[in-house]
Amino acid sequence: MAGFGPHVMLDLNKCNSEKLNDLSLCFKFLSEFPKKIGMTKISTPHVFPYEGLVPEDKGITGTVIIAESHISIHTFPIKEFAFIDIFSCKPFATEQVIDYCIDLFESKDPIHHVTHRGVSFPRSEADLEIKPILNMNEVDMAIQTTSVALENV
């Protein structure tokens, strides 16, 4: 692949509003997802509930910085909508990432875009390998288990 790397942009409509409003689920997603797609997390996820000027736009916003770039999420539970961005300087299994995010938030009307950023970015001779997502069912179960456990605290 020439250039800097893929940027996946997801517009997830008709999602499960409870999941979109689950702060611990969004945190766990940002915390564990980088490793599962072969990325290197270099910051703790920053996840915040948000109440904006428009009451129905309240939701959760979060980001995690990865060595390869970033992953971010913005949820709108009342509108059953989420935006997720995954940008990396190294290749990753974009279709698996897209499917996983759609499944996690139960989107019934997803739209996704994949673009390759920095097409003229000068690459070194290092071989960059696309790694498939590993054990995404385990990640999903860990996220759901943590969400349930935190609700009971």
C-alpha atoms as a PDB file:
ATOM      1  CA  MET A   1       0.000   0.000   0.000  1.00  0.00           C
ATOM      2  CA  ALA A   2       1.360   3.400  -0.934  1.00  0.00           C
ATOM      3  CA  GLY A   3       0.911   6.415   1.286  1.00  0.00           C
ATOM      4  CA  PHE A   4       0.448   6.932   4.981  1.00  0.00           C
ATOM      5  CA  GLY A   5      -2.437   4.676   5.905  1.00  0.00           C
ATOM      6  CA  PRO A   6      -6.142   3.868   5.990  1.00  0.00           C
ATOM      7  CA  HIS A   7      -8.782   6.041   7.648  1.00  0.00           C
ATOM      8  CA  VAL A   8     -12.078   4.303   8.427  1.00  0.00           C
ATOM      9  CA  MET A   9     -15.020   6.608   9.074  1.00  0.00           C
ATOM     10  CA  LEU A  10     -18.256   5.079  10.306  1.00  0.00           C
ATOM     11  CA  ASP A  11     -21.650   6.781  10.446  1.00  0.00           C
ATOM     12  CA  LEU A  12     -23.705   4.338  12.496  1.00  0.00           C
ATOM     13  CA  ASN A  13     -27.450   5.020  12.404  1.00  0.00           C
ATOM     14  CA  LYS A  14     -30.275   3.179  14.187  1.00  0.00           C
ATOM     15  CA  CYS A  15     -27.962   1.868  16.933  1.00  0.00           C
ATOM     16  CA  ASN A  16     -28.809   0.400  20.326  1.00  0.00           C
ATOM     17  CA  SER A  17     -29.278   3.593  22.373  1.00  0.00           C
ATOM     18  CA  GLU A  18     -28.394   1.855  25.661  1.00  0.00           C
ATOM     19  CA  LYS A  19     -24.995   0.880  24.266  1.00  0.00           C
ATOM     20  CA  LEU A  20     -24.472   4.397  22.912  1.00  0.00           C
ATOM     21  CA  ASN A  21     -25.157   5.785  26.383  1.00  0.00           C
ATOM     22  CA  ASP A  22     -22.840   3.320  28.171  1.00  0.00           C
ATOM     23  CA  LEU A  23     -19.725   5.211  29.284  1.00  0.00           C
ATOM     24  CA  SER A  24     -17.937   2.034  30.400  1.00  0.00           C
ATOM     25  CA  LEU A  25     -18.644   0.300  27.074  1.00  0.00           C
ATOM     26  CA  CYS A  26     -17.180   3.235  25.127  1.00  0.00           C
ATOM     27  CA  PHE A  27     -14.141   3.343  27.436  1.00  0.00           C
ATOM     28  CA  LYS A  28     -13.543  -0.398  27.132  1.00  0.00           C
ATOM     29  CA  PHE A  29     -13.899  -0.222  23.337  1.00  0.00           C
ATOM     30  CA  LEU A  30     -11.247   2.509  23.116  1.00  0.00           C
ATOM     31  CA  SER A  31      -9.019   0.780  25.660  1.00  0.00           C
ATOM     32  CA  GLU A  32      -8.980  -2.746  24.208  1.00  0.00           C
ATOM     33  CA  PHE A  33      -9.676  -2.279  20.517  1.00  0.00           C
ATOM     34  CA  PRO A  34      -6.216  -0.926  19.518  1.00  0.00           C
ATOM     35  CA  LYS A  35      -4.418  -4.085  20.634  1.00  0.00           C
ATOM     36  CA  LYS A  36      -6.928  -6.313  18.864  1.00  0.00           C
ATOM     37  CA  ILE A  37      -6.256  -4.597  15.532  1.00  0.00           C
ATOM     38  CA  GLY A  38      -2.478  -4.626  15.958  1.00  0.00           C
ATOM     39  CA  MET A  39      -2.067  -1.029  17.118  1.00  0.00           C
ATOM     40  CA  THR A  40      -0.107   0.439  20.032  1.00  0.00           C
ATOM     41  CA  LYS A  41      -2.110   2.415  22.593  1.00  0.00           C
ATOM     42  CA  ILE A  42       0.016   5.265  23.995  1.00  0.00           C
ATOM     43  CA  SER A  43      -2.598   7.050  26.090  1.00  0.00           C
ATOM     44  CA  THR A  44      -5.418   6.146  28.386  1.00  0.00           C
ATOM     45  CA  PRO A  45      -8.727   6.622  26.604  1.00  0.00           C
ATOM     46  CA  HIS A  46     -10.384   9.931  27.395  1.00  0.00           C
ATOM     47  CA  VAL A  47     -14.147   9.415  27.501  1.00  0.00           C
ATOM     48  CA  PHE A  48     -16.671  12.002  28.624  1.00  0.00           C
ATOM     49  CA  PRO A  49     -20.426  12.377  28.823  1.00  0.00           C
ATOM     50  CA  TYR A  50     -21.419  15.403  26.779  1.00  0.00           C
ATOM     51  CA  GLU A  51     -24.408  17.712  26.984  1.00  0.00           C
ATOM     52  CA  GLY A  52     -24.406  20.297  24.270  1.00  0.00           C
ATOM     53  CA  LEU A  53     -26.435  23.316  23.360  1.00  0.00           C
ATOM     54  CA  VAL A  54     -28.991  21.065  21.672  1.00  0.00           C
ATOM     55  CA  PRO A  55     -30.431  18.753  24.392  1.00  0.00           C
ATOM     56  CA  GLU A  56     -30.993  15.787  22.065  1.00  0.00           C
ATOM     57  CA  ASP A  57     -27.325  15.897  21.026  1.00  0.00           C
ATOM     58  CA  LYS A  58     -26.110  14.735  24.425  1.00  0.00           C
ATOM     59  CA  GLY A  59     -24.029  11.591  24.420  1.00  0.00           C
ATOM     60  CA  ILE A  60     -20.514  10.324  24.892  1.00  0.00           C
ATOM     61  CA  THR A  61     -17.351  11.468  23.199  1.00  0.00           C
ATOM     62  CA  GLY A  62     -14.010   9.751  23.491  1.00  0.00           C
ATOM     63  CA  THR A  63     -10.634   9.250  21.938  1.00  0.00           C
ATOM     64  CA  VAL A  64      -7.506   7.211  22.391  1.00  0.00           C
ATOM     65  CA  ILE A  65      -4.142   8.120  20.953  1.00  0.00           C
ATOM     66  CA  ILE A  66      -2.323   5.223  19.339  1.00  0.00           C
ATOM     67  CA  ALA A  67       1.283   5.283  18.142  1.00  0.00           C
ATOM     68  CA  GLU A  68      -0.096   4.869  14.648  1.00  0.00           C
ATOM     69  CA  SER A  69      -2.617   7.804  15.015  1.00  0.00           C
ATOM     70  CA  HIS A  70      -6.016   7.753  16.808  1.00  0.00           C
ATOM     71  CA  ILE A  71      -9.419   6.180  17.364  1.00  0.00           C
ATOM     72  CA  SER A  72     -12.425   8.321  18.298  1.00  0.00           C
ATOM     73  CA  ILE A  73     -16.124   7.893  19.018  1.00  0.00           C
ATOM     74  CA  HIS A  74     -19.023  10.324  19.355  1.00  0.00           C
ATOM     75  CA  THR A  75     -22.433   8.948  20.361  1.00  0.00           C
ATOM     76  CA  PHE A  76     -25.907  10.450  20.233  1.00  0.00           C
ATOM     77  CA  PRO A  77     -28.165   7.987  22.114  1.00  0.00           C
ATOM     78  CA  ILE A  78     -31.400   9.943  21.672  1.00  0.00           C
ATOM     79  CA  LYS A  79     -30.812  10.009  17.923  1.00  0.00           C
ATOM     80  CA  GLU A  80     -29.481   6.394  17.935  1.00  0.00           C
ATOM     81  CA  PHE A  81     -26.382   7.561  16.062  1.00  0.00           C
ATOM     82  CA  ALA A  82     -22.609   7.247  16.448  1.00  0.00           C
ATOM     83  CA  PHE A  83     -19.541   8.402  14.572  1.00  0.00           C
ATOM     84  CA  ILE A  84     -16.352   6.334  14.831  1.00  0.00           C
ATOM     85  CA  ASP A  85     -12.991   7.174  13.228  1.00  0.00           C
ATOM     86  CA  ILE A  86     -10.015   4.844  13.055  1.00  0.00           C
ATOM     87  CA  PHE A  87      -6.902   6.273  11.440  1.00  0.00           C
ATOM     88  CA  SER A  88      -3.546   4.546  11.288  1.00  0.00           C
ATOM     89  CA  CYS A  89      -0.206   4.898   9.551  1.00  0.00           C
ATOM     90  CA  LYS A  90      -0.059   1.147   9.242  1.00  0.00           C
ATOM     91  CA  PRO A  91      -2.449  -1.129   7.408  1.00  0.00           C
ATOM     92  CA  PHE A  92      -5.189  -2.991   9.263  1.00  0.00           C
ATOM     93  CA  ALA A  93      -8.130  -5.227   8.382  1.00  0.00           C
ATOM     94  CA  THR A  94     -10.566  -2.427   7.538  1.00  0.00           C
ATOM     95  CA  GLU A  95     -13.531  -4.646   6.649  1.00  0.00           C
ATOM     96  CA  GLN A  96     -13.265  -6.594   9.923  1.00  0.00           C
ATOM     97  CA  VAL A  97     -13.007  -3.322  11.868  1.00  0.00           C
ATOM     98  CA  ILE A  98     -16.110  -1.971  10.127  1.00  0.00           C
ATOM     99  CA  ASP A  99     -18.109  -5.150  10.784  1.00  0.00           C
ATOM    100  CA  TYR A 100     -17.049  -5.265  14.429  1.00  0.00           C
ATOM    101  CA  CYS A 101     -18.101  -1.664  15.140  1.00  0.00           C
ATOM    102  CA  ILE A 102     -21.441  -2.154  13.383  1.00  0.00           C
ATOM    103  CA  ASP A 103     -22.094  -5.302  15.429  1.00  0.00           C
ATOM    104  CA  LEU A 104     -20.935  -3.801  18.740  1.00  0.00           C
ATOM    105  CA  PHE A 105     -23.342  -0.866  18.560  1.00  0.00           C
ATOM    106  CA  GLU A 106     -26.021  -2.881  16.700  1.00  0.00           C
ATOM    107  CA  SER A 107     -26.347  -0.393  13.841  1.00  0.00           C
ATOM    108  CA  LYS A 108     -29.189  -1.226  11.490  1.00  0.00           C
ATOM    109  CA  ASP A 109     -28.305   1.494   8.976  1.00  0.00           C
ATOM    110  CA  PRO A 110     -24.522   1.936   8.805  1.00  0.00           C
ATOM    111  CA  ILE A 111     -22.568   3.952   6.296  1.00  0.00           C
ATOM    112  CA  HIS A 112     -18.809   3.628   6.107  1.00  0.00           C
ATOM    113  CA  HIS A 113     -16.032   5.328   4.224  1.00  0.00           C
ATOM    114  CA  VAL A 114     -12.449   4.159   3.837  1.00  0.00           C
ATOM    115  CA  THR A 115      -9.867   6.504   2.469  1.00  0.00           C
ATOM    116  CA  HIS A 116      -6.131   6.179   2.202  1.00  0.00           C
ATOM    117  CA  ARG A 117      -4.425   9.235   3.610  1.00  0.00           C
ATOM    118  CA  GLY A 118      -1.116  10.659   2.472  1.00  0.00           C
ATOM    119  CA  VAL A 119      -0.954   8.831  -0.843  1.00  0.00           C
ATOM    120  CA  SER A 120       2.278  10.666  -1.660  1.00  0.00           C
ATOM    121  CA  PHE A 121       3.766  10.157   1.817  1.00  0.00           C
ATOM    122  CA  PRO A 122       7.315   8.762   1.406  1.00  0.00           C
ATOM    123  CA  ARG A 123       7.417   5.261   2.930  1.00  0.00           C
ATOM    124  CA  SER A 124      10.499   3.433   4.095  1.00  0.00           C
ATOM    125  CA  GLU A 125      11.329  -0.017   2.813  1.00  0.00           C
ATOM    126  CA  ALA A 126       9.898  -1.633   5.962  1.00  0.00           C
ATOM    127  CA  ASP A 127       7.296  -4.266   5.203  1.00  0.00           C
ATOM    128  CA  LEU A 128       3.950  -3.380   6.756  1.00  0.00           C
ATOM    129  CA  GLU A 129       1.637  -6.303   7.274  1.00  0.00           C
ATOM    130  CA  ILE A 130      -2.157  -6.271   7.638  1.00  0.00           C
ATOM    131  CA  LYS A 131      -3.096  -8.188  10.772  1.00  0.00           C
ATOM    132  CA  PRO A 132      -6.606  -9.588  11.098  1.00  0.00           C
ATOM    133  CA  ILE A 133      -8.575  -8.899  14.237  1.00  0.00           C
ATOM    134  CA  LEU A 134      -8.017 -11.670  16.728  1.00  0.00           C
ATOM    135  CA  ASN A 135     -10.672 -13.081  19.025  1.00  0.00           C
ATOM    136  CA  MET A 136     -13.163 -10.244  18.577  1.00  0.00           C
ATOM    137  CA  ASN A 137     -15.797 -12.373  20.331  1.00  0.00           C
ATOM    138  CA  GLU A 138     -13.546 -12.355  23.409  1.00  0.00           C
ATOM    139  CA  VAL A 139     -13.218  -8.562  23.190  1.00  0.00           C
ATOM    140  CA  ASP A 140     -16.990  -8.204  22.849  1.00  0.00           C
ATOM    141  CA  MET A 141     -17.616 -10.471  25.855  1.00  0.00           C
ATOM    142  CA  ALA A 142     -15.034  -8.569  27.952  1.00  0.00           C
ATOM    143  CA  ILE A 143     -16.635  -5.244  27.040  1.00  0.00           C
ATOM    144  CA  GLN A 144     -20.138  -6.485  27.888  1.00  0.00           C
ATOM    145  CA  THR A 145     -18.988  -8.129  31.142  1.00  0.00           C
ATOM    146  CA  THR A 146     -17.251  -4.945  32.268  1.00  0.00           C
ATOM    147  CA  SER A 147     -20.298  -2.845  31.409  1.00  0.00           C
ATOM    148  CA  VAL A 148     -22.588  -5.082  33.449  1.00  0.00           C
ATOM    149  CA  ALA A 149     -20.141  -5.194  36.364  1.00  0.00           C
ATOM    150  CA  LEU A 150     -19.826  -1.401  36.455  1.00  0.00           C
ATOM    151  CA  GLU A 151     -23.605  -0.997  36.382  1.00  0.00           C
ATOM    152  CA  ASN A 152     -23.810  -3.102  39.539  1.00  0.00           C
ATOM    153  CA  VAL A 153     -21.325  -0.936  41.468  1.00  0.00           C
END
